Amino acid sequence: MSRRETARLEAFRDRTGFSVLCNTSLNNNGCGFINRTSDLIAYGEKHGLDGYVINDSFVTPRRLGPGTCR
């Protein structure tokens, strides 16, 4: 990461208190951009994300039991 990018992220952290900035045009590998909450949830479950922030809520993935259909 360049110094300019690092400085930008540090300024974001200092201003917001968040140390992570997510690109909202995240591309779902051949499935298009993630534009809906349902797309983000499906992406997170597929890729094992620990959680993500949507507006003012921290969302964690659903935990499915054995034999549960998606």
C-alpha atoms as a PDB file:
ATOM      1  CA  MET A   1       0.000   0.000   0.000  1.00  0.00           C
ATOM      2  CA  SER A   2       1.307   3.434  -0.852  1.00  0.00           C
ATOM      3  CA  ARG A   3       2.092   6.128   1.698  1.00  0.00           C
ATOM      4  CA  ARG A   4      -0.761   8.179   0.291  1.00  0.00           C
ATOM      5  CA  GLU A   5      -3.237   5.321   0.792  1.00  0.00           C
ATOM      6  CA  THR A   6      -1.903   4.692   4.295  1.00  0.00           C
ATOM      7  CA  ALA A   7      -2.283   8.373   5.181  1.00  0.00           C
ATOM      8  CA  ARG A   8      -5.834   8.376   3.819  1.00  0.00           C
ATOM      9  CA  LEU A   9      -6.815   5.338   5.908  1.00  0.00           C
ATOM     10  CA  GLU A  10      -5.162   6.783   9.014  1.00  0.00           C
ATOM     11  CA  ALA A  11      -7.076  10.039   8.519  1.00  0.00           C
ATOM     12  CA  PHE A  12     -10.294   8.031   8.146  1.00  0.00           C
ATOM     13  CA  ARG A  13      -9.512   6.171  11.390  1.00  0.00           C
ATOM     14  CA  ASP A  14      -8.700   9.385  13.244  1.00  0.00           C
ATOM     15  CA  ARG A  15     -11.914  11.032  12.074  1.00  0.00           C
ATOM     16  CA  THR A  16     -14.347   8.104  12.482  1.00  0.00           C
ATOM     17  CA  GLY A  17     -12.761   5.787  15.030  1.00  0.00           C
ATOM     18  CA  PHE A  18     -12.896   2.924  12.512  1.00  0.00           C
ATOM     19  CA  SER A  19      -9.651   1.407  11.333  1.00  0.00           C
ATOM     20  CA  VAL A  20     -11.139  -0.439   8.355  1.00  0.00           C
ATOM     21  CA  LEU A  21     -12.612   1.035   5.215  1.00  0.00           C
ATOM     22  CA  CYS A  22     -14.601  -1.280   2.949  1.00  0.00           C
ATOM     23  CA  ASN A  23     -14.998  -0.652  -0.738  1.00  0.00           C
ATOM     24  CA  THR A  24     -18.768  -0.643  -1.232  1.00  0.00           C
ATOM     25  CA  SER A  25     -18.391  -1.698  -4.849  1.00  0.00           C
ATOM     26  CA  LEU A  26     -16.947  -5.045  -3.779  1.00  0.00           C
ATOM     27  CA  ASN A  27     -17.054  -7.411  -6.736  1.00  0.00           C
ATOM     28  CA  ASN A  28     -18.294 -10.913  -5.984  1.00  0.00           C
ATOM     29  CA  ASN A  29     -15.984 -12.791  -8.379  1.00  0.00           C
ATOM     30  CA  GLY A  30     -18.110 -13.061 -11.491  1.00  0.00           C
ATOM     31  CA  CYS A  31     -21.415 -12.454  -9.694  1.00  0.00           C
ATOM     32  CA  GLY A  32     -21.389  -8.689 -10.088  1.00  0.00           C
ATOM     33  CA  PHE A  33     -21.111  -5.957  -7.500  1.00  0.00           C
ATOM     34  CA  ILE A  34     -22.516  -6.322  -4.020  1.00  0.00           C
ATOM     35  CA  ASN A  35     -25.374  -3.833  -4.036  1.00  0.00           C
ATOM     36  CA  ARG A  36     -27.834  -5.393  -1.591  1.00  0.00           C
ATOM     37  CA  THR A  37     -27.539  -6.522   2.009  1.00  0.00           C
ATOM     38  CA  SER A  38     -28.495 -10.046   0.929  1.00  0.00           C
ATOM     39  CA  ASP A  39     -25.533 -10.056  -1.500  1.00  0.00           C
ATOM     40  CA  LEU A  40     -23.167  -9.041   1.315  1.00  0.00           C
ATOM     41  CA  ILE A  41     -24.525 -11.703   3.667  1.00  0.00           C
ATOM     42  CA  ALA A  42     -24.162 -14.409   0.994  1.00  0.00           C
ATOM     43  CA  TYR A  43     -20.614 -13.219   0.210  1.00  0.00           C
ATOM     44  CA  GLY A  44     -19.691 -13.177   3.899  1.00  0.00           C
ATOM     45  CA  GLU A  45     -20.995 -16.680   4.443  1.00  0.00           C
ATOM     46  CA  LYS A  46     -19.255 -18.014   1.337  1.00  0.00           C
ATOM     47  CA  HIS A  47     -15.905 -16.469   2.276  1.00  0.00           C
ATOM     48  CA  GLY A  48     -16.047 -16.923   6.051  1.00  0.00           C
ATOM     49  CA  LEU A  49     -16.115 -13.256   7.080  1.00  0.00           C
ATOM     50  CA  ASP A  50     -16.285 -12.732  10.849  1.00  0.00           C
ATOM     51  CA  GLY A  51     -18.727  -9.881  10.443  1.00  0.00           C
ATOM     52  CA  TYR A  52     -19.337  -6.514   8.856  1.00  0.00           C
ATOM     53  CA  VAL A  53     -20.989  -3.189   9.598  1.00  0.00           C
ATOM     54  CA  ILE A  54     -24.218  -2.190   7.878  1.00  0.00           C
ATOM     55  CA  ASN A  55     -25.264   1.330   8.809  1.00  0.00           C
ATOM     56  CA  ASP A  56     -25.151   1.273  12.635  1.00  0.00           C
ATOM     57  CA  SER A  57     -25.261  -2.507  13.087  1.00  0.00           C
ATOM     58  CA  PHE A  58     -22.476  -5.062  13.376  1.00  0.00           C
ATOM     59  CA  VAL A  59     -23.633  -8.191  11.563  1.00  0.00           C
ATOM     60  CA  THR A  60     -22.188 -11.633  12.165  1.00  0.00           C
ATOM     61  CA  PRO A  61     -22.792 -14.632   9.916  1.00  0.00           C
ATOM     62  CA  ARG A  62     -25.587 -17.096  10.560  1.00  0.00           C
ATOM     63  CA  ARG A  63     -24.438 -20.303  12.149  1.00  0.00           C
ATOM     64  CA  LEU A  64     -26.122 -23.200  10.381  1.00  0.00           C
ATOM     65  CA  GLY A  65     -26.394 -26.559  12.065  1.00  0.00           C
ATOM     66  CA  PRO A  66     -25.468 -29.869  10.433  1.00  0.00           C
ATOM     67  CA  GLY A  67     -27.799 -30.839   7.626  1.00  0.00           C
ATOM     68  CA  THR A  68     -29.258 -27.342   7.344  1.00  0.00           C
ATOM     69  CA  CYS A  69     -30.044 -26.229   3.805  1.00  0.00           C
ATOM     70  CA  ARG A  70     -29.058 -22.781   2.605  1.00  0.00           C
END
